[in-house]
Amino acid sequence: MHSSMRQSGADVQEWLAGRSEEMAALVETLVRVPTENPPGRELGRCAALLRDELDRLGFAPELIELPPRGSLEGPAIVRGAVGEGSRIVYFHGHFDVVPAQHRSQFEPERRDGKIIGRGTADMKGGLVSMLYGAAAARELGMLGDSRIVLHLVCDEETGSTAGSGYLREAGLIDPGAAAMLVAEPTGGVIWHAWRGAITLRVQVAGREAHVGYVHEGVNAFERMIRIAEPLTRLSNELLERRSMLVVGGQAGSGAGFNVVPGSAWFSVDRRFNPEEDLGAELARLTGMIEEAAAVAGAEVEIEVLQEQPSGSTDERHPAAEALASCVEAVEGAAAEFQLCPGVLDTRWYSELGIPAFGYGGGGLEVAHGPDEFIEQAALHRCAAVYALFAAEISR
């Protein structure tokens, strides 16, 4: 690592230190907008707030109002840009959050160097780091031939099809971009690979009958158990190679305790590794369900709720090496690459051939919990990494 990068990192952190209160106050303002998804509350309000903030920072913002989608309230994307260079680096983030355990989580508090509240780690704190990292890179003349394009989307917690899906379908992601970063709560490591996801809802048919006429009924619950049993065996087998399957995370059946259930349903959620193929895994799951249903003599309907590919960027890619150097310059220790345990918005970019990474200061272990927080020092360190990375990409 060059001494010039260390000096640049020090300069950025000094610039950010003078804006520490601004950054913390913006995190708190964003947390107070309860953008819970599902169902997708107050997304339009939060998007407008972010647009105004980008405008204040001079990022030429655009607010894209999206078509209605399910229960999302005012779905929208906020875009902005910094710099005039030809080498694009995307800073990507989402402003929806998982549902809160209690309403007080939307009243942020500062304590012991932390900002506590829903979305601080995942990922409204990350958004603030990206905004101020971009501002620092511009103000300190670091961008060179780089141009930062900011994409802030509204529905990552429910699959990103409205927000990120729109960006790709509308041709708003340039396949020639140099790199992409998403501000997920990685705890300071780099996520260069991510799992894919398949979510199914399996509906099993039966025939209702009063308990006194049980012999005239067909018990859909009993059939459901027989259909689910091979999948539970598969789940145990997959764990041996650290691949994931949850059977029956949600389930239901019947009309009442004294009625033979005429219908039953259960969920199947599969998280598969980069070396595993989406099409093959979907075919395996549906095939197993249909085969078990045939053996049980049951009629089933399989609804695919989610199908997202896995992916990765080689940690030896020049963009990966550049990001690792930036992390080392700021953190003072070698960067670590890891597989993300879940699904990332990186996939929308990676599928176009763009090297894509997750990196953020929040911790995944607290991200969806009742005491979610981000350390203020982590806000600054990540902002510095983002600024340095945009500068390195221009070289």
Protein backbone atom coordinates (compact mmCIF):
# COMPACT_ATOMS: atom_id res chain seq x y z
CA MET A 1 0.00 0.00 0.00
CA HIS A 2 1.36 3.42 -0.98
CA SER A 3 2.03 6.07 1.65
CA SER A 4 0.03 8.46 -0.54
CA MET A 5 -3.10 6.38 0.08
CA ARG A 6 -2.52 6.50 3.81
CA GLN A 7 -2.21 10.27 3.59
CA SER A 8 -5.35 10.50 1.47
CA GLY A 9 -7.17 8.37 4.04
CA ALA A 10 -6.03 10.70 6.82
CA ASP A 11 -7.15 13.76 4.83
CA VAL A 12 -10.59 12.24 4.20
CA GLN A 13 -11.06 11.32 7.84
CA GLU A 14 -10.09 14.83 8.91
CA TRP A 15 -12.65 16.25 6.46
CA LEU A 16 -15.30 13.87 7.80
CA ALA A 17 -14.48 14.67 11.43
CA GLY A 18 -15.58 18.24 10.82
CA ARG A 19 -18.96 16.91 9.67
CA SER A 20 -19.50 14.32 12.38
CA GLU A 21 -22.57 16.05 13.81
CA GLU A 22 -24.13 16.47 10.35
CA MET A 23 -23.68 12.78 9.64
CA ALA A 24 -25.13 11.62 12.94
CA ALA A 25 -28.09 13.99 12.66
CA LEU A 26 -28.89 12.71 9.17
CA VAL A 27 -28.84 9.10 10.37
CA GLU A 28 -31.29 10.06 13.12
CA THR A 29 -33.56 11.89 10.67
CA LEU A 30 -33.69 8.86 8.38
CA VAL A 31 -34.36 6.46 11.26
CA ARG A 32 -37.38 8.53 12.32
CA VAL A 33 -39.09 7.68 9.01
CA PRO A 34 -40.51 4.18 9.71
CA THR A 35 -39.90 2.60 6.31
CA GLU A 36 -40.83 -0.91 7.44
CA ASN A 37 -40.90 -3.46 4.63
CA PRO A 38 -43.05 -5.45 4.61
CA PRO A 39 -45.42 -3.79 4.14
CA GLY A 40 -43.37 -0.87 2.76
CA ARG A 41 -44.47 2.16 4.77
CA GLU A 42 -43.58 5.81 4.06
CA LEU A 43 -41.15 5.01 1.25
CA GLY A 44 -42.14 8.07 -0.75
CA ARG A 45 -41.58 10.33 2.23
CA CYS A 46 -38.10 8.91 2.84
CA ALA A 47 -37.22 9.15 -0.86
CA ALA A 48 -38.17 12.83 -0.89
CA LEU A 49 -36.02 13.44 2.18
CA LEU A 50 -33.04 11.75 0.53
CA ARG A 51 -33.56 13.70 -2.68
CA ASP A 52 -33.44 16.93 -0.71
CA GLU A 53 -30.26 15.80 1.04
CA LEU A 54 -28.58 14.93 -2.27
CA ASP A 55 -29.62 18.33 -3.58
CA ARG A 56 -28.07 20.05 -0.55
CA LEU A 57 -24.82 18.17 -1.19
CA GLY A 58 -24.86 19.13 -4.87
CA PHE A 59 -25.39 15.66 -6.31
CA ALA A 60 -27.93 16.60 -9.03
CA PRO A 61 -30.63 14.27 -7.66
CA GLU A 62 -33.46 12.64 -9.56
CA LEU A 63 -36.46 11.07 -7.82
CA ILE A 64 -37.99 8.28 -9.91
CA GLU A 65 -41.53 7.44 -8.82
CA LEU A 66 -42.20 3.78 -9.49
CA PRO A 67 -45.47 2.09 -10.52
CA PRO A 68 -47.61 0.82 -7.62
CA ARG A 69 -46.40 -2.54 -6.35
CA GLY A 70 -48.24 -4.54 -3.70
CA SER A 71 -48.39 -2.74 -0.36
CA LEU A 72 -45.41 -0.43 -1.01
CA GLU A 73 -46.29 3.18 -0.14
CA GLY A 74 -44.88 5.58 -2.71
CA PRO A 75 -42.17 3.30 -4.09
CA ALA A 76 -39.33 5.36 -5.55
CA ILE A 77 -35.65 5.44 -6.45
CA VAL A 78 -33.32 8.33 -5.73
CA ARG A 79 -30.39 8.80 -8.13
CA GLY A 80 -27.52 11.26 -8.01
CA ALA A 81 -24.05 11.75 -9.42
CA VAL A 82 -20.71 13.20 -8.34
CA GLY A 83 -17.82 13.98 -10.69
CA GLU A 84 -17.41 14.21 -14.44
CA GLY A 85 -15.15 11.24 -15.17
CA SER A 86 -15.77 8.38 -17.57
CA ARG A 87 -15.14 5.52 -15.11
CA ILE A 88 -18.37 4.91 -13.22
CA VAL A 89 -18.47 3.48 -9.72
CA TYR A 90 -21.94 2.80 -8.34
CA PHE A 91 -22.72 3.51 -4.70
CA HIS A 92 -25.90 1.56 -3.99
CA GLY A 93 -28.11 1.33 -0.93
CA HIS A 94 -31.66 0.81 0.30
CA PHE A 95 -33.77 2.87 2.64
CA ASP A 96 -36.41 0.30 3.58
CA VAL A 97 -35.93 -1.57 6.86
CA VAL A 98 -37.22 -4.79 8.39
CA PRO A 99 -40.21 -4.45 10.76
CA ALA A 100 -39.41 -3.17 14.23
CA GLN A 101 -39.84 -5.17 17.41
CA HIS A 102 -41.22 -2.05 19.11
CA ARG A 103 -42.11 1.49 17.98
CA SER A 104 -39.43 3.12 20.13
CA GLN A 105 -36.85 1.86 17.63
CA PHE A 106 -37.90 4.73 15.38
CA GLU A 107 -36.82 7.21 18.06
CA PRO A 108 -33.02 7.04 17.72
CA GLU A 109 -30.68 7.71 20.60
CA ARG A 110 -26.95 8.23 20.94
CA ARG A 111 -25.09 6.39 23.64
CA ASP A 112 -21.46 5.38 24.16
CA GLY A 113 -20.42 6.43 20.67
CA LYS A 114 -23.30 4.58 19.02
CA ILE A 115 -26.46 5.60 17.22
CA ILE A 116 -29.20 3.17 18.21
CA GLY A 117 -32.41 2.58 16.25
CA ARG A 118 -34.06 0.58 13.49
CA GLY A 119 -32.09 0.81 10.26
CA THR A 120 -28.93 2.34 11.73
CA ALA A 121 -26.88 -0.70 10.66
CA ASP A 122 -29.05 -1.93 7.79
CA MET A 123 -28.60 0.43 6.17
CA LYS A 124 -29.48 4.07 6.78
CA GLY A 125 -26.11 4.53 8.46
CA GLY A 126 -24.49 3.07 5.36
CA LEU A 127 -26.38 5.52 3.14
CA VAL A 128 -25.02 8.44 5.15
CA SER A 129 -21.47 7.06 4.86
CA MET A 130 -21.87 6.79 1.10
CA LEU A 131 -23.23 10.33 0.74
CA TYR A 132 -20.44 11.86 2.79
CA GLY A 133 -17.78 9.62 1.26
CA ALA A 134 -18.84 10.85 -2.17
CA ALA A 135 -18.87 14.45 -0.95
CA ALA A 136 -15.39 14.09 0.55
CA ALA A 137 -13.98 12.62 -2.67
CA ARG A 138 -15.33 15.57 -4.63
CA GLU A 139 -14.35 18.30 -2.20
CA LEU A 140 -10.81 16.95 -1.83
CA GLY A 141 -10.31 16.61 -5.59
CA MET A 142 -9.87 12.85 -5.47
CA LEU A 143 -12.15 11.68 -8.25
CA GLY A 144 -9.89 12.12 -11.25
CA ASP A 145 -11.50 10.15 -14.08
CA SER A 146 -14.11 8.61 -11.74
CA ARG A 147 -17.78 9.45 -11.53
CA ILE A 148 -19.85 8.22 -8.59
CA VAL A 149 -23.46 7.37 -9.39
CA LEU A 150 -25.71 6.92 -6.37
CA HIS A 151 -28.66 4.52 -6.49
CA LEU A 152 -30.94 4.49 -3.43
CA VAL A 153 -33.76 1.95 -3.67
CA CYS A 154 -36.88 1.24 -1.66
CA ASP A 155 -37.58 -2.51 -1.47
CA GLU A 156 -34.42 -4.52 -0.85
CA GLU A 157 -35.92 -6.27 2.17
CA THR A 158 -38.56 -7.88 -0.07
CA GLY A 159 -36.42 -8.76 -3.07
CA SER A 160 -35.57 -5.45 -4.81
CA THR A 161 -37.67 -6.25 -7.87
CA ALA A 162 -39.43 -2.87 -7.80
CA GLY A 163 -36.31 -0.75 -7.23
CA SER A 164 -33.16 -2.49 -8.45
CA GLY A 165 -35.18 -4.46 -10.97
CA TYR A 166 -36.41 -1.19 -12.46
CA LEU A 167 -32.88 0.21 -12.68
CA ARG A 168 -31.76 -2.75 -14.75
CA GLU A 169 -34.87 -3.03 -16.91
CA ALA A 170 -34.74 0.70 -17.70
CA GLY A 171 -31.09 0.51 -18.74
CA LEU A 172 -29.96 2.74 -15.87
CA ILE A 173 -27.08 0.44 -14.92
CA ASP A 174 -24.14 0.81 -17.31
CA PRO A 175 -22.58 -2.62 -18.00
CA GLY A 176 -19.26 -0.88 -18.59
CA ALA A 177 -19.08 0.47 -15.04
CA ALA A 178 -15.80 -0.06 -13.22
CA ALA A 179 -17.33 -1.30 -9.93
CA MET A 180 -20.27 -1.27 -7.56
CA LEU A 181 -20.47 -1.06 -3.76
CA VAL A 182 -23.51 -1.66 -1.57
CA ALA A 183 -23.46 -0.41 2.03
CA GLU A 184 -24.63 -3.61 3.71
CA PRO A 185 -23.70 -4.25 7.38
CA THR A 186 -20.62 -6.39 6.78
CA GLY A 187 -18.88 -5.41 10.00
CA GLY A 188 -15.87 -4.14 8.07
CA VAL A 189 -15.20 -7.27 5.99
CA ILE A 190 -15.74 -7.36 2.22
CA TRP A 191 -18.54 -9.51 0.86
CA HIS A 192 -17.35 -10.53 -2.59
CA ALA A 193 -19.76 -13.48 -2.95
CA TRP A 194 -23.39 -14.01 -2.07
CA ARG A 195 -25.97 -16.73 -1.88
CA GLY A 196 -28.93 -17.07 -4.19
CA ALA A 197 -32.50 -17.51 -2.95
CA ILE A 198 -35.54 -19.59 -3.82
CA THR A 199 -38.75 -19.20 -1.83
CA LEU A 200 -41.77 -21.42 -2.50
CA ARG A 201 -45.30 -21.70 -1.15
CA VAL A 202 -46.64 -25.24 -1.45
CA GLN A 203 -50.42 -25.65 -1.31
CA VAL A 204 -51.79 -29.14 -0.60
CA ALA A 205 -55.40 -30.09 -1.33
CA GLY A 206 -57.66 -32.36 0.74
CA ARG A 207 -61.37 -32.65 1.53
CA GLU A 208 -63.11 -31.21 4.59
CA ALA A 209 -65.32 -33.27 6.86
CA HIS A 210 -66.67 -32.93 10.39
CA VAL A 211 -64.70 -34.87 12.99
CA GLY A 212 -67.73 -37.15 13.36
CA TYR A 213 -67.40 -38.04 9.67
CA VAL A 214 -63.61 -38.17 9.52
CA HIS A 215 -63.80 -41.21 7.25
CA GLU A 216 -65.36 -39.03 4.55
CA GLY A 217 -62.57 -36.45 4.64
CA VAL A 218 -59.08 -36.30 3.13
CA ASN A 219 -56.61 -34.81 5.59
CA ALA A 220 -54.49 -32.23 3.76
CA PHE A 221 -52.28 -31.75 6.83
CA GLU A 222 -51.26 -35.41 6.86
CA ARG A 223 -50.46 -35.19 3.15
CA MET A 224 -48.46 -32.03 3.72
CA ILE A 225 -46.26 -33.79 6.30
CA ARG A 226 -45.50 -36.59 3.86
CA ILE A 227 -44.61 -34.10 1.13
CA ALA A 228 -42.38 -32.02 3.42
CA GLU A 229 -40.50 -34.99 4.91
CA PRO A 230 -38.06 -35.57 1.98
CA LEU A 231 -37.24 -31.85 2.00
CA THR A 232 -36.28 -31.95 5.68
CA ARG A 233 -33.84 -34.77 4.88
CA LEU A 234 -32.40 -32.66 2.09
CA SER A 235 -31.99 -29.74 4.51
CA ASN A 236 -29.77 -31.84 6.76
CA GLU A 237 -27.72 -33.05 3.81
CA LEU A 238 -27.15 -29.52 2.52
CA LEU A 239 -25.80 -28.35 5.89
CA GLU A 240 -22.80 -30.60 5.39
CA ARG A 241 -21.61 -28.25 2.64
CA ARG A 242 -22.87 -25.07 4.36
CA SER A 243 -25.80 -24.64 2.01
CA MET A 244 -29.19 -23.78 3.47
CA LEU A 245 -32.81 -24.93 3.30
CA VAL A 246 -35.64 -24.12 5.73
CA VAL A 247 -38.84 -26.14 5.43
CA GLY A 248 -42.01 -24.87 7.07
CA GLY A 249 -40.80 -21.48 8.20
CA GLN A 250 -44.44 -20.62 7.72
CA ALA A 251 -47.30 -23.10 7.51
CA GLY A 252 -51.05 -23.39 8.01
CA SER A 253 -54.02 -25.69 7.56
CA GLY A 254 -57.67 -26.28 8.23
CA ALA A 255 -60.77 -24.37 9.25
CA GLY A 256 -61.10 -25.52 12.85
CA PHE A 257 -60.00 -28.06 15.46
CA ASN A 258 -62.99 -30.32 14.81
CA VAL A 259 -62.82 -30.35 11.03
CA VAL A 260 -60.65 -32.53 8.78
CA PRO A 261 -58.38 -29.97 7.06
CA GLY A 262 -59.32 -29.57 3.42
CA SER A 263 -56.21 -27.58 2.60
CA ALA A 264 -52.73 -27.01 3.99
CA TRP A 265 -49.67 -25.05 2.98
CA PHE A 266 -46.05 -24.61 3.92
CA SER A 267 -43.09 -22.50 2.86
CA VAL A 268 -39.74 -23.63 1.50
CA ASP A 269 -36.77 -21.24 1.60
CA ARG A 270 -33.50 -22.22 -0.09
CA ARG A 271 -30.25 -20.22 0.13
CA PHE A 272 -27.62 -21.67 -2.17
CA ASN A 273 -23.93 -21.01 -2.71
CA PRO A 274 -22.20 -19.40 -5.72
CA GLU A 275 -21.14 -22.79 -7.09
CA GLU A 276 -24.79 -23.95 -7.14
CA ASP A 277 -27.11 -23.14 -10.05
CA LEU A 278 -30.47 -21.40 -9.65
CA GLY A 279 -32.23 -23.43 -12.35
CA ALA A 280 -30.91 -26.75 -11.10
CA GLU A 281 -31.86 -26.01 -7.49
CA LEU A 282 -35.36 -24.86 -8.42
CA ALA A 283 -35.87 -27.97 -10.54
CA ARG A 284 -34.64 -30.19 -7.69
CA LEU A 285 -37.04 -28.66 -5.15
CA THR A 286 -40.10 -28.70 -7.38
CA GLY A 287 -39.27 -32.21 -8.58
CA MET A 288 -39.00 -33.53 -5.03
CA ILE A 289 -42.29 -31.90 -4.07
CA GLU A 290 -44.13 -33.28 -7.09
CA GLU A 291 -42.67 -36.77 -6.59
CA ALA A 292 -43.62 -36.83 -2.90
CA ALA A 293 -47.09 -35.56 -3.75
CA ALA A 294 -47.56 -38.34 -6.29
CA VAL A 295 -46.55 -40.96 -3.71
CA ALA A 296 -48.98 -39.42 -1.22
CA GLY A 297 -51.73 -39.25 -3.82
CA ALA A 298 -52.02 -35.51 -3.23
CA GLU A 299 -52.72 -32.57 -5.48
CA VAL A 300 -50.27 -29.69 -4.96
CA GLU A 301 -49.75 -26.19 -6.29
CA ILE A 302 -46.26 -24.70 -6.11
CA GLU A 303 -45.98 -20.92 -6.13
CA VAL A 304 -42.52 -19.46 -6.68
CA LEU A 305 -42.31 -16.35 -4.49
CA GLN A 306 -38.64 -15.61 -5.09
CA GLU A 307 -35.87 -16.84 -7.37
CA GLN A 308 -32.59 -14.94 -7.17
CA PRO A 309 -29.21 -16.11 -8.49
CA SER A 310 -26.07 -16.45 -6.42
CA GLY A 311 -22.86 -14.84 -7.60
CA SER A 312 -19.37 -13.63 -6.82
CA THR A 313 -16.51 -11.35 -7.85
CA ASP A 314 -13.06 -12.91 -7.75
CA GLU A 315 -11.08 -11.47 -4.85
CA ARG A 316 -8.10 -11.22 -7.22
CA HIS A 317 -10.00 -8.89 -9.55
CA PRO A 318 -8.28 -5.48 -9.76
CA ALA A 319 -11.37 -3.79 -8.31
CA ALA A 320 -11.33 -6.22 -5.38
CA GLU A 321 -7.64 -5.57 -4.77
CA ALA A 322 -8.26 -1.82 -4.93
CA LEU A 323 -11.05 -2.06 -2.37
CA ALA A 324 -8.89 -4.21 -0.09
CA SER A 325 -6.12 -1.60 -0.25
CA CYS A 326 -8.57 1.15 0.70
CA VAL A 327 -9.87 -0.84 3.66
CA GLU A 328 -6.33 -1.51 4.85
CA ALA A 329 -5.43 2.19 4.54
CA VAL A 330 -8.34 3.18 6.78
CA GLU A 331 -8.57 0.23 9.18
CA GLY A 332 -4.85 -0.39 9.54
CA ALA A 333 -5.23 -4.13 8.98
CA ALA A 334 -5.49 -6.41 5.96
CA ALA A 335 -8.97 -6.68 4.47
CA GLU A 336 -10.88 -9.95 4.74
CA PHE A 337 -13.10 -11.35 1.97
CA GLN A 338 -16.13 -13.42 2.93
CA LEU A 339 -19.24 -15.04 1.48
CA CYS A 340 -22.37 -13.11 2.43
CA PRO A 341 -24.75 -15.46 4.26
CA GLY A 342 -27.72 -14.05 2.36
CA VAL A 343 -28.80 -12.39 -0.87
CA LEU A 344 -27.33 -9.05 -2.00
CA ASP A 345 -28.30 -6.30 -4.42
CA THR A 346 -24.85 -6.85 -5.93
CA ARG A 347 -26.53 -9.47 -8.14
CA TRP A 348 -28.26 -6.83 -10.28
CA TYR A 349 -24.85 -5.46 -11.25
CA SER A 350 -22.77 -8.63 -11.25
CA GLU A 351 -25.06 -10.25 -13.83
CA LEU A 352 -24.09 -7.40 -16.18
CA GLY A 353 -20.40 -8.12 -15.65
CA ILE A 354 -19.73 -5.34 -13.13
CA PRO A 355 -17.42 -6.24 -10.21
CA ALA A 356 -19.64 -5.84 -7.17
CA PHE A 357 -19.05 -5.88 -3.41
CA GLY A 358 -20.78 -5.38 -0.10
CA TYR A 359 -18.96 -3.29 2.50
CA GLY A 360 -20.30 -1.40 5.50
CA GLY A 361 -19.70 -0.49 9.11
CA GLY A 362 -22.83 -1.94 10.69
CA GLY A 363 -22.83 -5.44 12.16
CA LEU A 364 -25.03 -8.16 10.70
CA GLU A 365 -25.44 -9.68 14.16
CA VAL A 366 -27.42 -6.62 15.35
CA ALA A 367 -28.92 -5.48 12.05
CA HIS A 368 -32.45 -6.83 12.47
CA GLY A 369 -32.53 -6.99 16.25
CA PRO A 370 -34.26 -4.89 18.90
CA ASP A 371 -31.05 -3.04 19.82
CA GLU A 372 -29.74 -2.29 16.32
CA PHE A 373 -26.94 0.27 16.25
CA ILE A 374 -23.99 1.62 14.34
CA GLU A 375 -20.89 3.16 15.85
CA GLN A 376 -20.29 6.76 14.82
CA ALA A 377 -16.61 5.95 14.27
CA ALA A 378 -17.64 3.22 11.83
CA LEU A 379 -19.72 5.76 9.88
CA HIS A 380 -16.58 7.83 9.35
CA ARG A 381 -14.27 4.92 8.55
CA CYS A 382 -16.63 3.53 5.93
CA ALA A 383 -17.14 6.94 4.38
CA ALA A 384 -13.36 7.23 4.08
CA VAL A 385 -13.13 3.80 2.43
CA TYR A 386 -15.85 4.77 -0.07
CA ALA A 387 -14.04 7.99 -0.96
CA LEU A 388 -10.69 6.24 -1.41
CA PHE A 389 -12.26 3.48 -3.50
CA ALA A 390 -13.80 5.97 -5.92
CA ALA A 391 -10.38 7.59 -6.26
CA GLU A 392 -8.58 4.27 -6.81
CA ILE A 393 -11.05 3.20 -9.50
CA SER A 394 -10.03 6.26 -11.54
CA ARG A 395 -6.41 5.04 -11.80
